[in-house]
Each structure stands twice: as C-alpha cells, then as structure tokens.
Amino acid sequence: MKINLLSYDGLRPDKRAISKCIVEISTNINESLSNELTNVLLDGDIVDIEINNKNSGSSLRALRKLNIDYEIIE
C-alpha cells in the first residue's frame, strides 16, 4: 500500500520517533533515508512511502499516534 505523509500536526516533533516509525512501517526504507524523509516531512513537504499491507492497520495507527496526517494512494 502506498501512502503520502502530508504533514506533522504536533507541537514539538520527536524526529527520532518519527524516523523510527517510518523505518518500521515501510517496506524498503533504511535508517539513513528515514532521517532524510523525516526532515522533508517536518519542512512541510509531502513524503511518499510504501507500507506492508499485512500490518497496514497498525502502521496507520502508529502514524496517527505521532500526529502525522496521511492519505492512502493505493
């Protein structure tokens, strides 16, 4: 499943937690790339990632818990 990470809505972003979440839910993103994508997201740009369909419910729940808005592409 592909999703767009649209924005971060929290007051104080926890970059490490966001980066760790991206690594855990994505199918092909390593820690280094996740750190870059976290910075892109916090700068206000959209980030496109692919998540594992098997755990999509828990993945989306983890994003909501971190106050990350997303949209499902496919």
PDB file of N, CA and C in Angstrom:
ATOM      1  N   MET A   1       0.847  -1.167   0.000  1.00  0.00           N
ATOM      2  CA  MET A   1       0.000   0.000   0.000  1.00  0.00           C
ATOM      3  C   MET A   1       0.896   1.234   0.000  1.00  0.00           C
ATOM      4  N   LYS A   2       0.579   2.172  -0.867  1.00  0.00           N
ATOM      5  CA  LYS A   2       1.331   3.424  -0.908  1.00  0.00           C
ATOM      6  C   LYS A   2       0.546   4.502  -0.183  1.00  0.00           C
ATOM      7  N   ILE A   3       1.270   5.311   0.589  1.00  0.00           N
ATOM      8  CA  ILE A   3       0.642   6.427   1.289  1.00  0.00           C
ATOM      9  C   ILE A   3       1.510   7.664   1.149  1.00  0.00           C
ATOM     10  N   ASN A   4       0.877   8.808   1.241  1.00  0.00           N
ATOM     11  CA  ASN A   4       1.573  10.089   1.309  1.00  0.00           C
ATOM     12  C   ASN A   4       1.514  10.586   2.744  1.00  0.00           C
ATOM     13  N   LEU A   5       2.661  10.921   3.282  1.00  0.00           N
ATOM     14  CA  LEU A   5       2.706  11.592   4.579  1.00  0.00           C
ATOM     15  C   LEU A   5       2.585  13.074   4.278  1.00  0.00           C
ATOM     16  N   LEU A   6       1.508  13.679   4.725  1.00  0.00           N
ATOM     17  CA  LEU A   6       1.185  15.047   4.333  1.00  0.00           C
ATOM     18  C   LEU A   6       1.801  16.102   5.241  1.00  0.00           C
ATOM     19  N   SER A   7       1.644  15.923   6.545  1.00  0.00           N
ATOM     20  CA  SER A   7       2.135  16.948   7.461  1.00  0.00           C
ATOM     21  C   SER A   7       2.229  16.403   8.875  1.00  0.00           C
ATOM     22  N   TYR A   8       2.935  17.137   9.697  1.00  0.00           N
ATOM     23  CA  TYR A   8       3.054  16.828  11.113  1.00  0.00           C
ATOM     24  C   TYR A   8       2.253  17.871  11.871  1.00  0.00           C
ATOM     25  N   ASP A   9       1.358  17.433  12.764  1.00  0.00           N
ATOM     26  CA  ASP A   9       0.455  18.355  13.452  1.00  0.00           C
ATOM     27  C   ASP A   9       0.759  18.570  14.923  1.00  0.00           C
ATOM     28  N   GLY A  10       1.831  18.011  15.424  1.00  0.00           N
ATOM     29  CA  GLY A  10       2.153  18.154  16.836  1.00  0.00           C
ATOM     30  C   GLY A  10       2.844  19.469  17.149  1.00  0.00           C
ATOM     31  N   LEU A  11       3.006  19.739  18.441  1.00  0.00           N
ATOM     32  CA  LEU A  11       3.670  20.973  18.862  1.00  0.00           C
ATOM     33  C   LEU A  11       5.188  20.862  18.792  1.00  0.00           C
ATOM     34  N   ARG A  12       5.723  19.771  19.312  1.00  0.00           N
ATOM     35  CA  ARG A  12       7.169  19.582  19.336  1.00  0.00           C
ATOM     36  C   ARG A  12       7.492  18.242  18.684  1.00  0.00           C
ATOM     37  N   PRO A  13       8.040  18.259  17.473  1.00  0.00           N
ATOM     38  CA  PRO A  13       8.298  16.999  16.779  1.00  0.00           C
ATOM     39  C   PRO A  13       9.423  16.188  17.423  1.00  0.00           C
ATOM     40  N   ASP A  14       9.189  14.902  17.555  1.00  0.00           N
ATOM     41  CA  ASP A  14      10.204  13.966  18.025  1.00  0.00           C
ATOM     42  C   ASP A  14      10.781  13.287  16.782  1.00  0.00           C
ATOM     43  N   LYS A  15      11.847  13.878  16.242  1.00  0.00           N
ATOM     44  CA  LYS A  15      12.415  13.388  14.982  1.00  0.00           C
ATOM     45  C   LYS A  15      12.820  11.926  15.067  1.00  0.00           C
ATOM     46  N   ARG A  16      13.370  11.532  16.190  1.00  0.00           N
ATOM     47  CA  ARG A  16      13.822  10.150  16.332  1.00  0.00           C
ATOM     48  C   ARG A  16      12.640   9.186  16.288  1.00  0.00           C
ATOM     49  N   ALA A  17      11.543   9.518  16.958  1.00  0.00           N
ATOM     50  CA  ALA A  17      10.363   8.650  16.961  1.00  0.00           C
ATOM     51  C   ALA A  17       9.726   8.573  15.576  1.00  0.00           C
ATOM     52  N   ILE A  18       9.665   9.701  14.879  1.00  0.00           N
ATOM     53  CA  ILE A  18       9.087   9.718  13.532  1.00  0.00           C
ATOM     54  C   ILE A  18       9.946   8.881  12.591  1.00  0.00           C
ATOM     55  N   SER A  19      11.252   9.078  12.645  1.00  0.00           N
ATOM     56  CA  SER A  19      12.165   8.327  11.795  1.00  0.00           C
ATOM     57  C   SER A  19      12.077   6.832  12.068  1.00  0.00           C
ATOM     58  N   LYS A  20      12.026   6.457  13.318  1.00  0.00           N
ATOM     59  CA  LYS A  20      11.933   5.054  13.700  1.00  0.00           C
ATOM     60  C   LYS A  20      10.625   4.450  13.197  1.00  0.00           C
ATOM     61  N   CYS A  21       9.553   5.192  13.297  1.00  0.00           N
ATOM     62  CA  CYS A  21       8.256   4.725  12.822  1.00  0.00           C
ATOM     63  C   CYS A  21       8.283   4.490  11.311  1.00  0.00           C
ATOM     64  N   ILE A  22       8.888   5.403  10.564  1.00  0.00           N
ATOM     65  CA  ILE A  22       8.969   5.259   9.110  1.00  0.00           C
ATOM     66  C   ILE A  22       9.742   3.998   8.751  1.00  0.00           C
ATOM     67  N   VAL A  23      10.854   3.737   9.437  1.00  0.00           N
ATOM     68  CA  VAL A  23      11.642   2.528   9.167  1.00  0.00           C
ATOM     69  C   VAL A  23      10.813   1.275   9.457  1.00  0.00           C
ATOM     70  N   GLU A  24      10.084   1.284  10.572  1.00  0.00           N
ATOM     71  CA  GLU A  24       9.324   0.100  10.979  1.00  0.00           C
ATOM     72  C   GLU A  24       8.136  -0.204  10.071  1.00  0.00           C
ATOM     73  N   ILE A  25       7.468   0.822   9.549  1.00  0.00           N
ATOM     74  CA  ILE A  25       6.265   0.570   8.752  1.00  0.00           C
ATOM     75  C   ILE A  25       6.546   0.439   7.265  1.00  0.00           C
ATOM     76  N   SER A  26       7.661   0.957   6.790  1.00  0.00           N
ATOM     77  CA  SER A  26       7.941   0.942   5.357  1.00  0.00           C
ATOM     78  C   SER A  26       8.544  -0.392   4.921  1.00  0.00           C
ATOM     79  N   THR A  27       8.422  -0.654   3.635  1.00  0.00           N
ATOM     80  CA  THR A  27       8.935  -1.910   3.102  1.00  0.00           C
ATOM     81  C   THR A  27      10.373  -1.813   2.619  1.00  0.00           C
ATOM     82  N   ASN A  28      10.858  -0.631   2.275  1.00  0.00           N
ATOM     83  CA  ASN A  28      12.187  -0.544   1.673  1.00  0.00           C
ATOM     84  C   ASN A  28      12.953   0.722   2.059  1.00  0.00           C
ATOM     85  N   ILE A  29      12.789   1.220   3.250  1.00  0.00           N
ATOM     86  CA  ILE A  29      13.473   2.436   3.686  1.00  0.00           C
ATOM     87  C   ILE A  29      14.392   2.099   4.848  1.00  0.00           C
ATOM     88  N   ASN A  30      15.661   2.503   4.700  1.00  0.00           N
ATOM     89  CA  ASN A  30      16.629   2.269   5.772  1.00  0.00           C
ATOM     90  C   ASN A  30      16.663   3.472   6.715  1.00  0.00           C
ATOM     91  N   GLU A  31      17.465   3.373   7.755  1.00  0.00           N
ATOM     92  CA  GLU A  31      17.503   4.405   8.787  1.00  0.00           C
ATOM     93  C   GLU A  31      17.990   5.752   8.261  1.00  0.00           C
ATOM     94  N   SER A  32      18.987   5.732   7.400  1.00  0.00           N
ATOM     95  CA  SER A  32      19.538   6.974   6.851  1.00  0.00           C
ATOM     96  C   SER A  32      18.506   7.707   6.000  1.00  0.00           C
ATOM     97  N   LEU A  33      17.850   6.973   5.117  1.00  0.00           N
ATOM     98  CA  LEU A  33      16.822   7.569   4.267  1.00  0.00           C
ATOM     99  C   LEU A  33      15.640   8.050   5.110  1.00  0.00           C
ATOM    100  N   SER A  34      15.314   7.304   6.145  1.00  0.00           N
ATOM    101  CA  SER A  34      14.224   7.687   7.028  1.00  0.00           C
ATOM    102  C   SER A  34      14.505   9.023   7.715  1.00  0.00           C
ATOM    103  N   ASN A  35      15.741   9.240   8.134  1.00  0.00           N
ATOM    104  CA  ASN A  35      16.108  10.522   8.746  1.00  0.00           C
ATOM    105  C   ASN A  35      15.915  11.670   7.766  1.00  0.00           C
ATOM    106  N   GLU A  36      16.305  11.459   6.499  1.00  0.00           N
ATOM    107  CA  GLU A  36      16.123  12.489   5.473  1.00  0.00           C
ATOM    108  C   GLU A  36      14.644  12.750   5.217  1.00  0.00           C
ATOM    109  N   LEU A  37      13.854  11.681   5.122  1.00  0.00           N
ATOM    110  CA  LEU A  37      12.422  11.839   4.869  1.00  0.00           C
ATOM    111  C   LEU A  37      11.721  12.532   6.029  1.00  0.00           C
ATOM    112  N   THR A  38      12.181  12.275   7.242  1.00  0.00           N
ATOM    113  CA  THR A  38      11.620  12.946   8.418  1.00  0.00           C
ATOM    114  C   THR A  38      11.853  14.445   8.324  1.00  0.00           C
ATOM    115  N   ASN A  39      13.054  14.843   7.940  1.00  0.00           N
ATOM    116  CA  ASN A  39      13.358  16.268   7.784  1.00  0.00           C
ATOM    117  C   ASN A  39      12.513  16.890   6.681  1.00  0.00           C
ATOM    118  N   VAL A  40      12.317  16.167   5.587  1.00  0.00           N
ATOM    119  CA  VAL A  40      11.476  16.663   4.488  1.00  0.00           C
ATOM    120  C   VAL A  40      10.047  16.865   4.978  1.00  0.00           C
ATOM    121  N   LEU A  41       9.509  15.891   5.710  1.00  0.00           N
ATOM    122  CA  LEU A  41       8.150  15.989   6.243  1.00  0.00           C
ATOM    123  C   LEU A  41       8.008  17.177   7.186  1.00  0.00           C
ATOM    124  N   LEU A  42       8.975  17.356   8.073  1.00  0.00           N
ATOM    125  CA  LEU A  42       8.899  18.447   9.042  1.00  0.00           C
ATOM    126  C   LEU A  42       9.096  19.815   8.394  1.00  0.00           C
ATOM    127  N   ASP A  43       9.726  19.836   7.211  1.00  0.00           N
ATOM    128  CA  ASP A  43       9.863  21.085   6.459  1.00  0.00           C
ATOM    129  C   ASP A  43       8.583  21.453   5.721  1.00  0.00           C
ATOM    130  N   GLY A  44       7.603  20.535   5.715  1.00  0.00           N
ATOM    131  CA  GLY A  44       6.302  20.835   5.115  1.00  0.00           C
ATOM    132  C   GLY A  44       6.058  20.202   3.772  1.00  0.00           C
ATOM    133  N   ASP A  45       6.967  19.353   3.300  1.00  0.00           N
ATOM    134  CA  ASP A  45       6.784  18.696   2.008  1.00  0.00           C
ATOM    135  C   ASP A  45       6.149  17.321   2.199  1.00  0.00           C
ATOM    136  N   ILE A  46       5.505  16.835   1.153  1.00  0.00           N
ATOM    137  CA  ILE A  46       4.850  15.532   1.177  1.00  0.00           C
ATOM    138  C   ILE A  46       5.888  14.438   0.951  1.00  0.00           C
ATOM    139  N   VAL A  47       5.750  13.337   1.702  1.00  0.00           N
ATOM    140  CA  VAL A  47       6.645  12.191   1.590  1.00  0.00           C
ATOM    141  C   VAL A  47       5.819  10.984   1.165  1.00  0.00           C
ATOM    142  N   ASP A  48       6.277  10.298   0.123  1.00  0.00           N
ATOM    143  CA  ASP A  48       5.599   9.124  -0.411  1.00  0.00           C
ATOM    144  C   ASP A  48       6.341   7.878   0.068  1.00  0.00           C
ATOM    145  N   ILE A  49       5.627   6.975   0.767  1.00  0.00           N
ATOM    146  CA  ILE A  49       6.254   5.726   1.204  1.00  0.00           C
ATOM    147  C   ILE A  49       5.331   4.551   0.893  1.00  0.00           C
ATOM    148  N   GLU A  50       5.897   3.357   0.888  1.00  0.00           N
ATOM    149  CA  GLU A  50       5.121   2.139   0.697  1.00  0.00           C
ATOM    150  C   GLU A  50       5.181   1.337   1.992  1.00  0.00           C
ATOM    151  N   ILE A  51       4.003   0.928   2.459  1.00  0.00           N
ATOM    152  CA  ILE A  51       3.949   0.152   3.700  1.00  0.00           C
ATOM    153  C   ILE A  51       3.474  -1.263   3.399  1.00  0.00           C
ATOM    154  N   ASN A  52       3.762  -2.151   4.326  1.00  0.00           N
ATOM    155  CA  ASN A  52       3.390  -3.547   4.206  1.00  0.00           C
ATOM    156  C   ASN A  52       1.885  -3.694   4.399  1.00  0.00           C
ATOM    157  N   ASN A  53       1.199  -4.292   3.453  1.00  0.00           N
ATOM    158  CA  ASN A  53      -0.257  -4.469   3.549  1.00  0.00           C
ATOM    159  C   ASN A  53      -0.658  -5.324   4.745  1.00  0.00           C
ATOM    160  N   LYS A  54       0.210  -6.245   5.126  1.00  0.00           N
ATOM    161  CA  LYS A  54      -0.108  -7.160   6.221  1.00  0.00           C
ATOM    162  C   LYS A  54      -0.328  -6.420   7.538  1.00  0.00           C
ATOM    163  N   ASN A  55       0.432  -5.355   7.767  1.00  0.00           N
ATOM    164  CA  ASN A  55       0.340  -4.596   9.013  1.00  0.00           C
ATOM    165  C   ASN A  55      -0.160  -3.174   8.793  1.00  0.00           C
ATOM    166  N   SER A  56      -0.939  -2.963   7.756  1.00  0.00           N
ATOM    167  CA  SER A  56      -1.333  -1.599   7.414  1.00  0.00           C
ATOM    168  C   SER A  56      -2.150  -0.925   8.510  1.00  0.00           C
ATOM    169  N   GLY A  57      -3.005  -1.663   9.194  1.00  0.00           N
ATOM    170  CA  GLY A  57      -3.817  -1.067  10.263  1.00  0.00           C
ATOM    171  C   GLY A  57      -2.971  -0.536  11.398  1.00  0.00           C
ATOM    172  N   SER A  58      -2.019  -1.322  11.852  1.00  0.00           N
ATOM    173  CA  SER A  58      -1.150  -0.870  12.937  1.00  0.00           C
ATOM    174  C   SER A  58      -0.198   0.220  12.474  1.00  0.00           C
ATOM    175  N   SER A  59       0.193   0.174  11.198  1.00  0.00           N
ATOM    176  CA  SER A  59       1.066   1.218  10.660  1.00  0.00           C
ATOM    177  C   SER A  59       0.364   2.570  10.641  1.00  0.00           C
ATOM    178  N   LEU A  60      -0.867   2.570  10.184  1.00  0.00           N
ATOM    179  CA  LEU A  60      -1.633   3.818  10.131  1.00  0.00           C
ATOM    180  C   LEU A  60      -1.937   4.332  11.537  1.00  0.00           C
ATOM    181  N   ARG A  61      -2.178   3.431  12.457  1.00  0.00           N
ATOM    182  CA  ARG A  61      -2.408   3.814  13.851  1.00  0.00           C
ATOM    183  C   ARG A  61      -1.151   4.463  14.442  1.00  0.00           C
ATOM    184  N   ALA A  62       0.022   3.927  14.112  1.00  0.00           N
ATOM    185  CA  ALA A  62       1.280   4.496  14.601  1.00  0.00           C
ATOM    186  C   ALA A  62       1.480   5.914  14.073  1.00  0.00           C
ATOM    187  N   LEU A  63       1.105   6.148  12.815  1.00  0.00           N
ATOM    188  CA  LEU A  63       1.225   7.494  12.244  1.00  0.00           C
ATOM    189  C   LEU A  63       0.280   8.467  12.946  1.00  0.00           C
ATOM    190  N   ARG A  64      -0.941   8.036  13.204  1.00  0.00           N
ATOM    191  CA  ARG A  64      -1.902   8.907  13.904  1.00  0.00           C
ATOM    192  C   ARG A  64      -1.409   9.225  15.310  1.00  0.00           C
ATOM    193  N   LYS A  65      -0.812   8.255  15.969  1.00  0.00           N
ATOM    194  CA  LYS A  65      -0.302   8.465  17.326  1.00  0.00           C
ATOM    195  C   LYS A  65       0.802   9.529  17.340  1.00  0.00           C
ATOM    196  N   LEU A  66       1.576   9.605  16.243  1.00  0.00           N
ATOM    197  CA  LEU A  66       2.647  10.597  16.147  1.00  0.00           C
ATOM    198  C   LEU A  66       2.160  11.933  15.567  1.00  0.00           C
ATOM    199  N   ASN A  67       0.845  12.066  15.363  1.00  0.00           N
ATOM    200  CA  ASN A  67       0.245  13.289  14.809  1.00  0.00           C
ATOM    201  C   ASN A  67       0.695  13.569  13.385  1.00  0.00           C
ATOM    202  N   ILE A  68       0.809  12.522  12.581  1.00  0.00           N
ATOM    203  CA  ILE A  68       1.189  12.674  11.184  1.00  0.00           C
ATOM    204  C   ILE A  68      -0.055  12.461  10.334  1.00  0.00           C
ATOM    205  N   ASP A  69      -0.397  13.469   9.524  1.00  0.00           N
ATOM    206  CA  ASP A  69      -1.514  13.334   8.592  1.00  0.00           C
ATOM    207  C   ASP A  69      -1.034  12.587   7.369  1.00  0.00           C
ATOM    208  N   TYR A  70      -1.877  11.721   6.836  1.00  0.00           N
ATOM    209  CA  TYR A  70      -1.513  10.919   5.678  1.00  0.00           C
ATOM    210  C   TYR A  70      -2.720  10.739   4.769  1.00  0.00           C
ATOM    211  N   GLU A  71      -2.449  10.305   3.550  1.00  0.00           N
ATOM    212  CA  GLU A  71      -3.524   9.904   2.632  1.00  0.00           C
ATOM    213  C   GLU A  71      -3.085   8.626   1.955  1.00  0.00           C
ATOM    214  N   ILE A  72      -4.044   7.735   1.760  1.00  0.00           N
ATOM    215  CA  ILE A  72      -3.770   6.457   1.108  1.00  0.00           C
ATOM    216  C   ILE A  72      -3.872   6.665  -0.389  1.00  0.00           C
ATOM    217  N   ILE A  73      -2.817   6.258  -1.107  1.00  0.00           N
ATOM    218  CA  ILE A  73      -2.807   6.405  -2.563  1.00  0.00           C
ATOM    219  C   ILE A  73      -3.374   5.164  -3.227  1.00  0.00           C
ATOM    220  N   GLU A  74      -2.870   3.994  -2.827  1.00  0.00           N
ATOM    221  CA  GLU A  74      -3.379   2.728  -3.374  1.00  0.00           C
ATOM    222  C   GLU A  74      -3.175   1.610  -2.402  1.00  0.00           C
TER     223      GLU A  74
END
